[in-house]
Amino acid sequence: MKSKTQKIQLTTKKQFEVLDITAKVKEVLNSSGVSSGLAVIYSPHSTASIEINHNEPLLLQDIMKLLYRVAPMDINYAHDLFEIRTKVDALERSNGHAHVKAFLLGSSETVPVENSEMSLGEKQSIFFVELDGGREREVIVKIVGE
């Protein structure tokens, strides 16, 4: 069994941003030598997500609107009460909304690999979803198989 792990470095510029990372994940797969297996794409950040969906700008706007309705920025989150929280980092942001969104979305996706290709649907792309940007971020890609 073969295995390859690689980090993809990203820079986000906006509070909410959706970056198509499909080509970068394919590069990792192509360099892995795996023709049949799995690609795991993981965000090690608690205010970002990995998602698979259609790369259509109006759909991405709809998704953003829904997420801001479910977890708006302008309500009080207990996470943001720094005066009563313990273990608060000096550079901590008021970002309870972003943690809630990330909790709902999840941090990883797994894609089957067959014939050295990811088994994505015709209109599917792999996205890094920034929920508290802009920041330096990374995505961990793990390819396993034969």
C-alpha atoms as a PDB file:
ATOM      1  CA  MET A   1       0.000   0.000   0.000  1.00  0.00           C
ATOM      2  CA  LYS A   2       1.226   3.484  -0.883  1.00  0.00           C
ATOM      3  CA  SER A   3       0.647   6.615   1.146  1.00  0.00           C
ATOM      4  CA  LYS A   4       1.455  10.273   0.645  1.00  0.00           C
ATOM      5  CA  THR A   5       0.686  13.252   2.865  1.00  0.00           C
ATOM      6  CA  GLN A   6       1.192  16.805   1.675  1.00  0.00           C
ATOM      7  CA  LYS A   7       0.208  20.225   2.987  1.00  0.00           C
ATOM      8  CA  ILE A   8      -1.259  22.841   0.667  1.00  0.00           C
ATOM      9  CA  GLN A   9      -0.595  26.430   1.751  1.00  0.00           C
ATOM     10  CA  LEU A  10      -3.345  29.009   1.177  1.00  0.00           C
ATOM     11  CA  THR A  11      -3.771  32.721   1.805  1.00  0.00           C
ATOM     12  CA  THR A  12      -7.317  33.959   2.231  1.00  0.00           C
ATOM     13  CA  LYS A  13      -8.247  37.597   1.853  1.00  0.00           C
ATOM     14  CA  LYS A  14     -11.904  37.835   2.913  1.00  0.00           C
ATOM     15  CA  GLN A  15     -14.002  37.094   5.997  1.00  0.00           C
ATOM     16  CA  PHE A  16     -15.928  34.489   3.981  1.00  0.00           C
ATOM     17  CA  GLU A  17     -14.174  33.001   0.984  1.00  0.00           C
ATOM     18  CA  VAL A  18     -14.564  29.830  -1.050  1.00  0.00           C
ATOM     19  CA  LEU A  19     -11.399  28.627  -2.815  1.00  0.00           C
ATOM     20  CA  ASP A  20     -11.475  25.847  -5.410  1.00  0.00           C
ATOM     21  CA  ILE A  21      -8.552  23.581  -4.481  1.00  0.00           C
ATOM     22  CA  THR A  22      -9.410  20.698  -6.834  1.00  0.00           C
ATOM     23  CA  ALA A  23      -6.363  21.223  -9.077  1.00  0.00           C
ATOM     24  CA  LYS A  24      -4.014  21.369  -6.070  1.00  0.00           C
ATOM     25  CA  VAL A  25      -5.428  18.114  -4.687  1.00  0.00           C
ATOM     26  CA  LYS A  26      -5.038  16.512  -8.142  1.00  0.00           C
ATOM     27  CA  GLU A  27      -1.357  17.536  -8.124  1.00  0.00           C
ATOM     28  CA  VAL A  28      -0.861  15.683  -4.844  1.00  0.00           C
ATOM     29  CA  LEU A  29      -2.695  12.642  -6.217  1.00  0.00           C
ATOM     30  CA  ASN A  30      -0.638  12.660  -9.435  1.00  0.00           C
ATOM     31  CA  SER A  31       2.626  12.724  -7.471  1.00  0.00           C
ATOM     32  CA  SER A  32       1.505   9.923  -5.127  1.00  0.00           C
ATOM     33  CA  GLY A  33       1.639   7.022  -7.563  1.00  0.00           C
ATOM     34  CA  VAL A  34      -1.740   5.798  -6.259  1.00  0.00           C
ATOM     35  CA  SER A  35      -4.123   4.517  -8.933  1.00  0.00           C
ATOM     36  CA  SER A  36      -6.812   3.030  -6.663  1.00  0.00           C
ATOM     37  CA  GLY A  37      -7.554   4.231  -3.153  1.00  0.00           C
ATOM     38  CA  LEU A  38      -8.750   7.287  -1.266  1.00  0.00           C
ATOM     39  CA  ALA A  39      -7.951  10.980  -1.118  1.00  0.00           C
ATOM     40  CA  VAL A  40      -8.636  12.592   2.254  1.00  0.00           C
ATOM     41  CA  ILE A  41      -8.716  16.384   2.281  1.00  0.00           C
ATOM     42  CA  TYR A  42      -8.628  17.904   5.783  1.00  0.00           C
ATOM     43  CA  SER A  43      -8.634  21.390   7.302  1.00  0.00           C
ATOM     44  CA  PRO A  44      -6.801  21.575  10.659  1.00  0.00           C
ATOM     45  CA  HIS A  45      -8.548  24.893  11.417  1.00  0.00           C
ATOM     46  CA  SER A  46     -11.626  25.300  13.622  1.00  0.00           C
ATOM     47  CA  THR A  47     -12.913  28.246  11.562  1.00  0.00           C
ATOM     48  CA  ALA A  48     -12.603  26.748   8.085  1.00  0.00           C
ATOM     49  CA  SER A  49     -14.089  23.819   6.221  1.00  0.00           C
ATOM     50  CA  ILE A  50     -13.545  21.454   3.312  1.00  0.00           C
ATOM     51  CA  GLU A  51     -16.576  20.907   1.087  1.00  0.00           C
ATOM     52  CA  ILE A  52     -17.487  19.317  -2.239  1.00  0.00           C
ATOM     53  CA  ASN A  53     -20.096  20.978  -4.420  1.00  0.00           C
ATOM     54  CA  HIS A  54     -20.798  22.661  -7.745  1.00  0.00           C
ATOM     55  CA  ASN A  55     -18.455  25.554  -8.581  1.00  0.00           C
ATOM     56  CA  GLU A  56     -21.131  27.997  -9.670  1.00  0.00           C
ATOM     57  CA  PRO A  57     -20.817  31.578  -8.360  1.00  0.00           C
ATOM     58  CA  LEU A  58     -24.521  32.151  -7.672  1.00  0.00           C
ATOM     59  CA  LEU A  59     -24.788  28.869  -5.775  1.00  0.00           C
ATOM     60  CA  LEU A  60     -21.763  29.849  -3.684  1.00  0.00           C
ATOM     61  CA  GLN A  61     -23.505  33.165  -2.882  1.00  0.00           C
ATOM     62  CA  ASP A  62     -26.622  31.231  -1.831  1.00  0.00           C
ATOM     63  CA  ILE A  63     -24.529  29.030   0.464  1.00  0.00           C
ATOM     64  CA  MET A  64     -22.906  32.110   2.024  1.00  0.00           C
ATOM     65  CA  LYS A  65     -26.329  33.713   2.621  1.00  0.00           C
ATOM     66  CA  LEU A  66     -27.628  30.553   4.268  1.00  0.00           C
ATOM     67  CA  LEU A  67     -24.607  30.253   6.561  1.00  0.00           C
ATOM     68  CA  TYR A  68     -24.926  33.889   7.661  1.00  0.00           C
ATOM     69  CA  ARG A  69     -28.636  33.350   8.380  1.00  0.00           C
ATOM     70  CA  VAL A  70     -27.892  30.276  10.489  1.00  0.00           C
ATOM     71  CA  ALA A  71     -24.925  31.833  12.333  1.00  0.00           C
ATOM     72  CA  PRO A  72     -24.969  35.627  11.918  1.00  0.00           C
ATOM     73  CA  MET A  73     -22.011  37.743  12.988  1.00  0.00           C
ATOM     74  CA  ASP A  74     -24.105  40.287  14.899  1.00  0.00           C
ATOM     75  CA  ILE A  75     -25.440  38.155  17.756  1.00  0.00           C
ATOM     76  CA  ASN A  76     -23.760  37.385  21.062  1.00  0.00           C
ATOM     77  CA  TYR A  77     -21.771  34.158  21.174  1.00  0.00           C
ATOM     78  CA  ALA A  78     -20.576  32.871  24.550  1.00  0.00           C
ATOM     79  CA  HIS A  79     -17.287  31.965  22.843  1.00  0.00           C
ATOM     80  CA  ASP A  80     -16.654  35.692  22.358  1.00  0.00           C
ATOM     81  CA  LEU A  81     -16.988  36.578  26.070  1.00  0.00           C
ATOM     82  CA  PHE A  82     -13.262  36.912  26.649  1.00  0.00           C
ATOM     83  CA  GLU A  83     -13.722  38.386  30.123  1.00  0.00           C
ATOM     84  CA  ILE A  84     -15.160  35.098  31.445  1.00  0.00           C
ATOM     85  CA  ARG A  85     -13.459  32.541  29.185  1.00  0.00           C
ATOM     86  CA  THR A  86     -10.320  30.787  30.343  1.00  0.00           C
ATOM     87  CA  LYS A  87      -7.222  30.168  28.226  1.00  0.00           C
ATOM     88  CA  VAL A  88      -7.800  33.077  25.857  1.00  0.00           C
ATOM     89  CA  ASP A  89      -4.996  33.762  23.384  1.00  0.00           C
ATOM     90  CA  ALA A  90      -3.843  37.399  23.269  1.00  0.00           C
ATOM     91  CA  LEU A  91      -4.590  37.476  19.524  1.00  0.00           C
ATOM     92  CA  GLU A  92      -8.027  35.859  19.873  1.00  0.00           C
ATOM     93  CA  ARG A  93     -10.731  37.126  17.505  1.00  0.00           C
ATOM     94  CA  SER A  94     -14.453  37.515  18.162  1.00  0.00           C
ATOM     95  CA  ASN A  95     -15.304  34.638  15.868  1.00  0.00           C
ATOM     96  CA  GLY A  96     -17.963  32.515  17.536  1.00  0.00           C
ATOM     97  CA  HIS A  97     -20.005  32.732  14.338  1.00  0.00           C
ATOM     98  CA  ALA A  98     -17.153  31.156  12.341  1.00  0.00           C
ATOM     99  CA  HIS A  99     -16.750  28.264  14.786  1.00  0.00           C
ATOM    100  CA  VAL A 100     -20.488  27.522  14.589  1.00  0.00           C
ATOM    101  CA  LYS A 101     -20.420  27.538  10.772  1.00  0.00           C
ATOM    102  CA  ALA A 102     -17.365  25.253  10.706  1.00  0.00           C
ATOM    103  CA  PHE A 103     -19.046  22.892  13.184  1.00  0.00           C
ATOM    104  CA  LEU A 104     -22.019  22.580  10.835  1.00  0.00           C
ATOM    105  CA  LEU A 105     -19.921  22.129   7.695  1.00  0.00           C
ATOM    106  CA  GLY A 106     -17.215  19.761   8.924  1.00  0.00           C
ATOM    107  CA  SER A 107     -13.472  19.667   8.437  1.00  0.00           C
ATOM    108  CA  SER A 108     -12.811  16.994   5.809  1.00  0.00           C
ATOM    109  CA  GLU A 109     -13.921  15.177   2.685  1.00  0.00           C
ATOM    110  CA  THR A 110     -12.922  11.747   1.392  1.00  0.00           C
ATOM    111  CA  VAL A 111     -12.929  11.029  -2.344  1.00  0.00           C
ATOM    112  CA  PRO A 112     -12.493   7.597  -3.948  1.00  0.00           C
ATOM    113  CA  VAL A 113      -9.611   7.260  -6.424  1.00  0.00           C
ATOM    114  CA  GLU A 114      -9.923   4.958  -9.453  1.00  0.00           C
ATOM    115  CA  ASN A 115      -7.598   4.785 -12.462  1.00  0.00           C
ATOM    116  CA  SER A 116      -5.446   7.547 -10.920  1.00  0.00           C
ATOM    117  CA  GLU A 117      -8.408   9.971 -10.956  1.00  0.00           C
ATOM    118  CA  MET A 118     -10.625  11.279  -8.185  1.00  0.00           C
ATOM    119  CA  SER A 119     -14.184  10.005  -8.593  1.00  0.00           C
ATOM    120  CA  LEU A 120     -15.763  13.450  -8.497  1.00  0.00           C
ATOM    121  CA  GLY A 121     -19.032  14.126 -10.274  1.00  0.00           C
ATOM    122  CA  GLU A 122     -18.927  16.113 -13.511  1.00  0.00           C
ATOM    123  CA  LYS A 123     -19.756  19.395 -11.768  1.00  0.00           C
ATOM    124  CA  GLN A 124     -18.120  18.721  -8.411  1.00  0.00           C
ATOM    125  CA  SER A 125     -15.159  20.674  -7.083  1.00  0.00           C
ATOM    126  CA  ILE A 126     -13.271  20.512  -3.797  1.00  0.00           C
ATOM    127  CA  PHE A 127     -13.426  23.745  -1.825  1.00  0.00           C
ATOM    128  CA  PHE A 128     -11.590  25.269   1.095  1.00  0.00           C
ATOM    129  CA  VAL A 129     -14.193  27.416   2.865  1.00  0.00           C
ATOM    130  CA  GLU A 130     -12.746  30.306   4.869  1.00  0.00           C
ATOM    131  CA  LEU A 131     -15.100  31.422   7.637  1.00  0.00           C
ATOM    132  CA  ASP A 132     -12.844  33.849   9.549  1.00  0.00           C
ATOM    133  CA  GLY A 133     -10.356  35.339   7.079  1.00  0.00           C
ATOM    134  CA  GLY A 134      -8.132  36.582   5.798  1.00  0.00           C
ATOM    135  CA  ARG A 135      -5.354  34.429   7.096  1.00  0.00           C
ATOM    136  CA  GLU A 136      -2.580  32.057   6.218  1.00  0.00           C
ATOM    137  CA  ARG A 137      -4.121  28.575   6.095  1.00  0.00           C
ATOM    138  CA  GLU A 138      -3.173  25.038   5.209  1.00  0.00           C
ATOM    139  CA  VAL A 139      -4.962  21.959   3.971  1.00  0.00           C
ATOM    140  CA  ILE A 140      -3.653  18.453   4.611  1.00  0.00           C
ATOM    141  CA  VAL A 141      -4.104  15.978   1.762  1.00  0.00           C
ATOM    142  CA  LYS A 142      -3.584  12.264   2.441  1.00  0.00           C
ATOM    143  CA  ILE A 143      -3.595   9.826  -0.472  1.00  0.00           C
ATOM    144  CA  VAL A 144      -3.681   6.101   0.344  1.00  0.00           C
ATOM    145  CA  GLY A 145      -4.048   3.087  -1.901  1.00  0.00           C
ATOM    146  CA  GLU A 146      -2.289   0.999  -4.494  1.00  0.00           C
END
